[in-house]
Amino acid sequence: MAHIFLDESGDLGFDFKKKGTSKFFVVTLLFLSDGTSAIEKAVKKTHAELAKKRKRRVGVLHAVNEKPITRQRLLKRIAEKDCSVMTIYLNKKKVFTRLQDEKQVVYNYVTNILLDRIFTKKIVPPDKPIELIASRRETNKFLNENFKDYLTKQVRNNHKGNIRISIKTPDEEKCLQAVDFLSWSLFRKYEKGDDSYYNLFKRKVIEESPLFP
């Protein structure tokens, strides 16, 4: 079974006068064709180093909260593994006005484009089962079910793909901590013009496209 882990960075707010509103929104997929253990071990090793240094238990790793050396260590470890990274970045100022109040629609649409390209690029055989695990961004059960139903139908109708979708927290699924670091790095590249973290794993990026060029 192939595994896909999904996370996003930035926000879908469109009031650019409001402090903290991002210019870009990034959705990132970490694709693993042969199991999750290698990435899980990379995350665990980074945890262990921090726990030893701080002499206490370390919780969930979040790129935005960690020091540069921790980010670099985990990103380098991910880059050594058999994995692929795909991302779509959205310049929010180019989003059609009618879509600015349909944040869930935009999010679902962007995610579906990435999944579609996995099949069109033949990254995974159409008959191979896929498990997609998305990092929880909504507490609303209806929106989460809508997200899962929409993507499942799109994959099955357009590609006859066999996909199972679940939504978990980074605490429940360590590979979501890895994709958080990847997505944060990509977001920083576009939002801040800093590609220093991105360069650590760029050879693993097989898709990097704007939604509205």
C-alpha atoms as a PDB file:
ATOM      1  CA  MET A   1       0.000   0.000   0.000  1.00  0.00           C
ATOM      2  CA  ALA A   2       1.199   3.509  -0.852  1.00  0.00           C
ATOM      3  CA  HIS A   3       0.847   6.275   1.735  1.00  0.00           C
ATOM      4  CA  ILE A   4       0.263   9.991   1.268  1.00  0.00           C
ATOM      5  CA  PHE A   5       0.527  12.512   4.089  1.00  0.00           C
ATOM      6  CA  LEU A   6      -0.991  15.954   3.644  1.00  0.00           C
ATOM      7  CA  ASP A   7      -0.473  19.256   5.401  1.00  0.00           C
ATOM      8  CA  GLU A   8      -0.848  22.933   4.550  1.00  0.00           C
ATOM      9  CA  SER A   9       0.819  26.193   5.501  1.00  0.00           C
ATOM     10  CA  GLY A  10      -0.458  29.732   5.468  1.00  0.00           C
ATOM     11  CA  ASP A  11      -4.106  30.619   5.826  1.00  0.00           C
ATOM     12  CA  LEU A  12      -7.152  31.110   3.624  1.00  0.00           C
ATOM     13  CA  GLY A  13      -7.996  34.566   4.914  1.00  0.00           C
ATOM     14  CA  PHE A  14      -8.354  37.322   2.312  1.00  0.00           C
ATOM     15  CA  ASP A  15      -8.314  40.447   4.460  1.00  0.00           C
ATOM     16  CA  PHE A  16      -4.769  41.516   3.627  1.00  0.00           C
ATOM     17  CA  LYS A  17      -5.013  44.535   5.899  1.00  0.00           C
ATOM     18  CA  LYS A  18      -5.368  42.198   8.856  1.00  0.00           C
ATOM     19  CA  LYS A  19      -2.104  41.478  10.643  1.00  0.00           C
ATOM     20  CA  GLY A  20      -0.900  37.934  10.166  1.00  0.00           C
ATOM     21  CA  THR A  21      -2.806  37.216   6.948  1.00  0.00           C
ATOM     22  CA  SER A  22      -0.493  35.354   4.597  1.00  0.00           C
ATOM     23  CA  LYS A  23       0.029  36.173   0.930  1.00  0.00           C
ATOM     24  CA  PHE A  24       0.343  32.504  -0.001  1.00  0.00           C
ATOM     25  CA  PHE A  25      -1.381  29.247   0.881  1.00  0.00           C
ATOM     26  CA  VAL A  26       0.533  26.005   0.337  1.00  0.00           C
ATOM     27  CA  VAL A  27      -0.729  22.411   0.273  1.00  0.00           C
ATOM     28  CA  THR A  28       1.944  19.709   0.409  1.00  0.00           C
ATOM     29  CA  LEU A  29       1.894  15.939  -0.038  1.00  0.00           C
ATOM     30  CA  LEU A  30       4.541  13.515   1.187  1.00  0.00           C
ATOM     31  CA  PHE A  31       4.303  10.349  -0.903  1.00  0.00           C
ATOM     32  CA  LEU A  32       5.678   7.022   0.353  1.00  0.00           C
ATOM     33  CA  SER A  33       5.420   3.980  -1.885  1.00  0.00           C
ATOM     34  CA  ASP A  34       7.032   1.411   0.407  1.00  0.00           C
ATOM     35  CA  GLY A  35       5.836   1.897   3.952  1.00  0.00           C
ATOM     36  CA  THR A  36       6.134   4.585   6.593  1.00  0.00           C
ATOM     37  CA  SER A  37       8.789   3.213   8.945  1.00  0.00           C
ATOM     38  CA  ALA A  38      11.756   5.140   7.480  1.00  0.00           C
ATOM     39  CA  ILE A  39      10.091   8.533   7.941  1.00  0.00           C
ATOM     40  CA  GLU A  40       8.771   7.551  11.360  1.00  0.00           C
ATOM     41  CA  LYS A  41      12.308   6.644  12.446  1.00  0.00           C
ATOM     42  CA  ALA A  42      13.604  10.001  11.202  1.00  0.00           C
ATOM     43  CA  VAL A  43      11.006  11.820  13.297  1.00  0.00           C
ATOM     44  CA  LYS A  44      11.681   9.622  16.342  1.00  0.00           C
ATOM     45  CA  LYS A  45      15.429  10.230  16.089  1.00  0.00           C
ATOM     46  CA  THR A  46      14.887  13.987  15.998  1.00  0.00           C
ATOM     47  CA  HIS A  47      12.574  13.685  19.009  1.00  0.00           C
ATOM     48  CA  ALA A  48      15.174  11.674  20.896  1.00  0.00           C
ATOM     49  CA  GLU A  49      17.902  14.253  20.276  1.00  0.00           C
ATOM     50  CA  LEU A  50      15.722  17.047  21.622  1.00  0.00           C
ATOM     51  CA  ALA A  51      14.593  15.024  24.625  1.00  0.00           C
ATOM     52  CA  LYS A  52      18.203  14.230  25.498  1.00  0.00           C
ATOM     53  CA  LYS A  53      19.266  17.855  25.149  1.00  0.00           C
ATOM     54  CA  ARG A  54      16.321  19.250  27.108  1.00  0.00           C
ATOM     55  CA  LYS A  55      16.335  16.364  29.596  1.00  0.00           C
ATOM     56  CA  ARG A  56      12.571  16.064  29.366  1.00  0.00           C
ATOM     57  CA  ARG A  57       9.914  14.545  27.158  1.00  0.00           C
ATOM     58  CA  VAL A  58       9.410  16.373  23.873  1.00  0.00           C
ATOM     59  CA  GLY A  59       5.887  16.685  22.503  1.00  0.00           C
ATOM     60  CA  VAL A  60       4.927  16.995  18.866  1.00  0.00           C
ATOM     61  CA  LEU A  61       7.465  18.570  16.536  1.00  0.00           C
ATOM     62  CA  HIS A  62       6.184  21.695  14.780  1.00  0.00           C
ATOM     63  CA  ALA A  63       8.508  23.407  12.315  1.00  0.00           C
ATOM     64  CA  VAL A  64       7.356  26.890  13.275  1.00  0.00           C
ATOM     65  CA  ASN A  65       8.340  26.297  16.918  1.00  0.00           C
ATOM     66  CA  GLU A  66      11.673  24.567  16.430  1.00  0.00           C
ATOM     67  CA  LYS A  67      15.194  25.956  16.206  1.00  0.00           C
ATOM     68  CA  PRO A  68      16.946  26.061  12.810  1.00  0.00           C
ATOM     69  CA  ILE A  69      19.248  23.151  13.677  1.00  0.00           C
ATOM     70  CA  THR A  70      16.265  20.902  14.465  1.00  0.00           C
ATOM     71  CA  ARG A  71      14.547  21.845  11.212  1.00  0.00           C
ATOM     72  CA  GLN A  72      17.713  21.170   9.251  1.00  0.00           C
ATOM     73  CA  ARG A  73      18.304  17.796  10.859  1.00  0.00           C
ATOM     74  CA  LEU A  74      14.826  16.468  10.179  1.00  0.00           C
ATOM     75  CA  LEU A  75      14.655  17.834   6.621  1.00  0.00           C
ATOM     76  CA  LYS A  76      18.028  16.271   5.779  1.00  0.00           C
ATOM     77  CA  ARG A  77      16.860  12.938   7.170  1.00  0.00           C
ATOM     78  CA  ILE A  78      13.660  13.067   5.137  1.00  0.00           C
ATOM     79  CA  ALA A  79      15.683  13.850   2.000  1.00  0.00           C
ATOM     80  CA  GLU A  80      17.710  10.667   2.531  1.00  0.00           C
ATOM     81  CA  LYS A  81      14.593   8.482   2.424  1.00  0.00           C
ATOM     82  CA  ASP A  82      12.714   6.933  -0.486  1.00  0.00           C
ATOM     83  CA  CYS A  83       9.943   9.499  -0.779  1.00  0.00           C
ATOM     84  CA  SER A  84       8.490  12.161  -3.059  1.00  0.00           C
ATOM     85  CA  VAL A  85       7.098  15.617  -2.355  1.00  0.00           C
ATOM     86  CA  MET A  86       4.373  17.419  -4.271  1.00  0.00           C
ATOM     87  CA  THR A  87       3.001  20.888  -3.647  1.00  0.00           C
ATOM     88  CA  ILE A  88       0.642  23.502  -5.010  1.00  0.00           C
ATOM     89  CA  TYR A  89       1.050  27.091  -3.911  1.00  0.00           C
ATOM     90  CA  LEU A  90      -1.697  29.649  -4.136  1.00  0.00           C
ATOM     91  CA  ASN A  91      -1.096  33.376  -4.513  1.00  0.00           C
ATOM     92  CA  LYS A  92      -4.245  34.432  -2.693  1.00  0.00           C
ATOM     93  CA  LYS A  93      -4.454  37.813  -4.411  1.00  0.00           C
ATOM     94  CA  LYS A  94      -5.180  35.963  -7.654  1.00  0.00           C
ATOM     95  CA  VAL A  95      -8.109  33.988  -6.263  1.00  0.00           C
ATOM     96  CA  PHE A  96     -11.425  34.867  -7.874  1.00  0.00           C
ATOM     97  CA  THR A  97     -13.592  36.999  -5.598  1.00  0.00           C
ATOM     98  CA  ARG A  98     -16.448  34.481  -5.695  1.00  0.00           C
ATOM     99  CA  LEU A  99     -14.166  31.820  -4.203  1.00  0.00           C
ATOM    100  CA  GLN A 100     -12.856  33.891  -1.317  1.00  0.00           C
ATOM    101  CA  ASP A 101     -15.836  32.972   0.870  1.00  0.00           C
ATOM    102  CA  GLU A 102     -15.634  29.291  -0.121  1.00  0.00           C
ATOM    103  CA  LYS A 103     -12.518  28.316   1.789  1.00  0.00           C
ATOM    104  CA  GLN A 104     -13.393  24.631   2.116  1.00  0.00           C
ATOM    105  CA  VAL A 105     -14.146  24.427  -1.610  1.00  0.00           C
ATOM    106  CA  VAL A 106     -10.747  25.939  -2.430  1.00  0.00           C
ATOM    107  CA  TYR A 107      -8.974  23.564  -0.044  1.00  0.00           C
ATOM    108  CA  ASN A 108     -10.738  20.491  -1.431  1.00  0.00           C
ATOM    109  CA  TYR A 109     -10.065  21.608  -5.000  1.00  0.00           C
ATOM    110  CA  VAL A 110      -6.338  22.154  -4.429  1.00  0.00           C
ATOM    111  CA  THR A 111      -5.952  18.778  -2.731  1.00  0.00           C
ATOM    112  CA  ASN A 112      -7.792  17.040  -5.557  1.00  0.00           C
ATOM    113  CA  ILE A 113      -5.439  18.573  -8.133  1.00  0.00           C
ATOM    114  CA  LEU A 114      -2.450  17.070  -6.319  1.00  0.00           C
ATOM    115  CA  LEU A 115      -4.092  13.656  -6.097  1.00  0.00           C
ATOM    116  CA  ASP A 116      -5.035  13.846  -9.763  1.00  0.00           C
ATOM    117  CA  ARG A 117      -1.394  14.432 -10.710  1.00  0.00           C
ATOM    118  CA  ILE A 118      -0.272  11.403  -8.734  1.00  0.00           C
ATOM    119  CA  PHE A 119      -2.361   9.294 -11.088  1.00  0.00           C
ATOM    120  CA  THR A 120      -1.706  11.182 -14.321  1.00  0.00           C
ATOM    121  CA  LYS A 121       2.062  11.037 -13.678  1.00  0.00           C
ATOM    122  CA  LYS A 122       1.641   7.313 -12.963  1.00  0.00           C
ATOM    123  CA  ILE A 123       3.497   7.676  -9.683  1.00  0.00           C
ATOM    124  CA  VAL A 124       1.411   4.836  -8.345  1.00  0.00           C
ATOM    125  CA  PRO A 125      -0.280   2.048 -10.363  1.00  0.00           C
ATOM    126  CA  PRO A 126      -4.061   2.647 -10.528  1.00  0.00           C
ATOM    127  CA  ASP A 127      -4.771  -0.748  -8.957  1.00  0.00           C
ATOM    128  CA  LYS A 128      -2.457  -0.180  -5.968  1.00  0.00           C
ATOM    129  CA  PRO A 129      -4.347   0.862  -2.819  1.00  0.00           C
ATOM    130  CA  ILE A 130      -3.506   4.268  -1.354  1.00  0.00           C
ATOM    131  CA  GLU A 131      -4.006   5.598   2.138  1.00  0.00           C
ATOM    132  CA  LEU A 132      -4.197   9.374   2.410  1.00  0.00           C
ATOM    133  CA  ILE A 133      -3.781  10.801   5.895  1.00  0.00           C
ATOM    134  CA  ALA A 134      -4.483  14.508   6.232  1.00  0.00           C
ATOM    135  CA  SER A 135      -3.464  16.644   9.173  1.00  0.00           C
ATOM    136  CA  ARG A 136      -6.552  17.791  11.032  1.00  0.00           C
ATOM    137  CA  ARG A 137      -7.364  21.421  10.209  1.00  0.00           C
ATOM    138  CA  GLU A 138     -11.075  21.390  10.994  1.00  0.00           C
ATOM    139  CA  THR A 139     -12.914  20.383  14.147  1.00  0.00           C
ATOM    140  CA  ASN A 140     -16.212  20.482  12.253  1.00  0.00           C
ATOM    141  CA  LYS A 141     -17.189  16.852  11.628  1.00  0.00           C
ATOM    142  CA  PHE A 142     -19.368  17.747   8.630  1.00  0.00           C
ATOM    143  CA  LEU A 143     -16.500  19.552   6.846  1.00  0.00           C
ATOM    144  CA  ASN A 144     -14.133  16.660   7.502  1.00  0.00           C
ATOM    145  CA  GLU A 145     -16.599  14.131   6.128  1.00  0.00           C
ATOM    146  CA  ASN A 146     -17.226  16.357   3.103  1.00  0.00           C
ATOM    147  CA  PHE A 147     -13.464  16.503   2.462  1.00  0.00           C
ATOM    148  CA  LYS A 148     -13.121  12.721   2.602  1.00  0.00           C
ATOM    149  CA  ASP A 149     -16.225  12.022   0.497  1.00  0.00           C
ATOM    150  CA  TYR A 150     -15.282  14.546  -2.181  1.00  0.00           C
ATOM    151  CA  LEU A 151     -11.739  13.239  -2.668  1.00  0.00           C
ATOM    152  CA  THR A 152     -12.781   9.582  -2.562  1.00  0.00           C
ATOM    153  CA  LYS A 153     -15.387  10.124  -5.290  1.00  0.00           C
ATOM    154  CA  GLN A 154     -12.975  12.146  -7.448  1.00  0.00           C
ATOM    155  CA  VAL A 155     -10.280   9.474  -7.324  1.00  0.00           C
ATOM    156  CA  ARG A 156     -12.691   6.618  -7.980  1.00  0.00           C
ATOM    157  CA  ASN A 157     -14.625   8.365 -10.753  1.00  0.00           C
ATOM    158  CA  ASN A 158     -11.648   9.866 -12.580  1.00  0.00           C
ATOM    159  CA  HIS A 159      -8.997   7.190 -12.088  1.00  0.00           C
ATOM    160  CA  LYS A 160     -10.759   4.099 -10.744  1.00  0.00           C
ATOM    161  CA  GLY A 161      -8.324   4.409  -7.873  1.00  0.00           C
ATOM    162  CA  ASN A 162      -8.546   2.543  -4.593  1.00  0.00           C
ATOM    163  CA  ILE A 163      -8.094   5.154  -1.865  1.00  0.00           C
ATOM    164  CA  ARG A 164      -8.787   5.317   1.854  1.00  0.00           C
ATOM    165  CA  ILE A 165      -8.809   8.734   3.512  1.00  0.00           C
ATOM    166  CA  SER A 166      -8.468   9.575   7.184  1.00  0.00           C
ATOM    167  CA  ILE A 167      -7.849  12.715   9.199  1.00  0.00           C
ATOM    168  CA  LYS A 168      -5.474  12.571  12.152  1.00  0.00           C
ATOM    169  CA  THR A 169      -3.394  14.794  14.392  1.00  0.00           C
ATOM    170  CA  PRO A 170       0.421  14.946  14.214  1.00  0.00           C
ATOM    171  CA  ASP A 171       0.459  13.392  17.669  1.00  0.00           C
ATOM    172  CA  GLU A 172      -1.400  10.352  16.318  1.00  0.00           C
ATOM    173  CA  GLU A 173       0.666  10.036  13.150  1.00  0.00           C
ATOM    174  CA  LYS A 174       4.373  10.862  13.195  1.00  0.00           C
ATOM    175  CA  CYS A 175       4.676  11.194   9.416  1.00  0.00           C
ATOM    176  CA  LEU A 176       2.391  14.233   9.635  1.00  0.00           C
ATOM    177  CA  GLN A 177       5.145  15.910  11.639  1.00  0.00           C
ATOM    178  CA  ALA A 178       7.506  15.297   8.719  1.00  0.00           C
ATOM    179  CA  VAL A 179       5.163  16.788   6.128  1.00  0.00           C
ATOM    180  CA  ASP A 180       4.607  19.762   8.449  1.00  0.00           C
ATOM    181  CA  PHE A 181       8.328  20.576   8.142  1.00  0.00           C
ATOM    182  CA  LEU A 182       8.201  20.179   4.361  1.00  0.00           C
ATOM    183  CA  SER A 183       5.129  22.359   3.970  1.00  0.00           C
ATOM    184  CA  TRP A 184       6.518  25.029   6.311  1.00  0.00           C
ATOM    185  CA  SER A 185       9.734  25.132   4.256  1.00  0.00           C
ATOM    186  CA  LEU A 186       7.858  25.520   0.978  1.00  0.00           C
ATOM    187  CA  PHE A 187       5.650  28.211   2.468  1.00  0.00           C
ATOM    188  CA  ARG A 188       8.702  30.081   3.719  1.00  0.00           C
ATOM    189  CA  LYS A 189      10.166  29.969   0.217  1.00  0.00           C
ATOM    190  CA  TYR A 190       7.157  31.798  -1.245  1.00  0.00           C
ATOM    191  CA  GLU A 191       6.069  33.948   1.685  1.00  0.00           C
ATOM    192  CA  LYS A 192       9.518  35.060   2.886  1.00  0.00           C
ATOM    193  CA  GLY A 193      11.739  34.451  -0.140  1.00  0.00           C
ATOM    194  CA  ASP A 194      13.890  32.105   1.963  1.00  0.00           C
ATOM    195  CA  ASP A 195      14.710  28.849   0.163  1.00  0.00           C
ATOM    196  CA  SER A 196      17.453  27.683   2.533  1.00  0.00           C
ATOM    197  CA  TYR A 197      15.278  24.963   4.093  1.00  0.00           C
ATOM    198  CA  TYR A 198      13.668  24.029   0.778  1.00  0.00           C
ATOM    199  CA  ASN A 199      17.096  23.428  -0.746  1.00  0.00           C
ATOM    200  CA  LEU A 200      17.718  20.639   1.770  1.00  0.00           C
ATOM    201  CA  PHE A 201      15.079  18.427   0.129  1.00  0.00           C
ATOM    202  CA  LYS A 202      14.373  20.007  -3.281  1.00  0.00           C
ATOM    203  CA  ARG A 203      15.645  16.943  -5.149  1.00  0.00           C
ATOM    204  CA  LYS A 204      12.664  15.070  -3.716  1.00  0.00           C
ATOM    205  CA  VAL A 205      10.140  17.563  -5.120  1.00  0.00           C
ATOM    206  CA  ILE A 206       8.456  16.101  -8.202  1.00  0.00           C
ATOM    207  CA  GLU A 207       5.613  18.602  -8.522  1.00  0.00           C
ATOM    208  CA  GLU A 208       5.664  22.282  -7.588  1.00  0.00           C
ATOM    209  CA  SER A 209       3.017  24.350  -9.298  1.00  0.00           C
ATOM    210  CA  PRO A 210       0.997  27.547  -8.805  1.00  0.00           C
ATOM    211  CA  LEU A 211      -2.779  27.193  -8.780  1.00  0.00           C
ATOM    212  CA  PHE A 212      -3.449  30.565 -10.400  1.00  0.00           C
ATOM    213  CA  PRO A 213      -0.262  31.539 -12.338  1.00  0.00           C
END
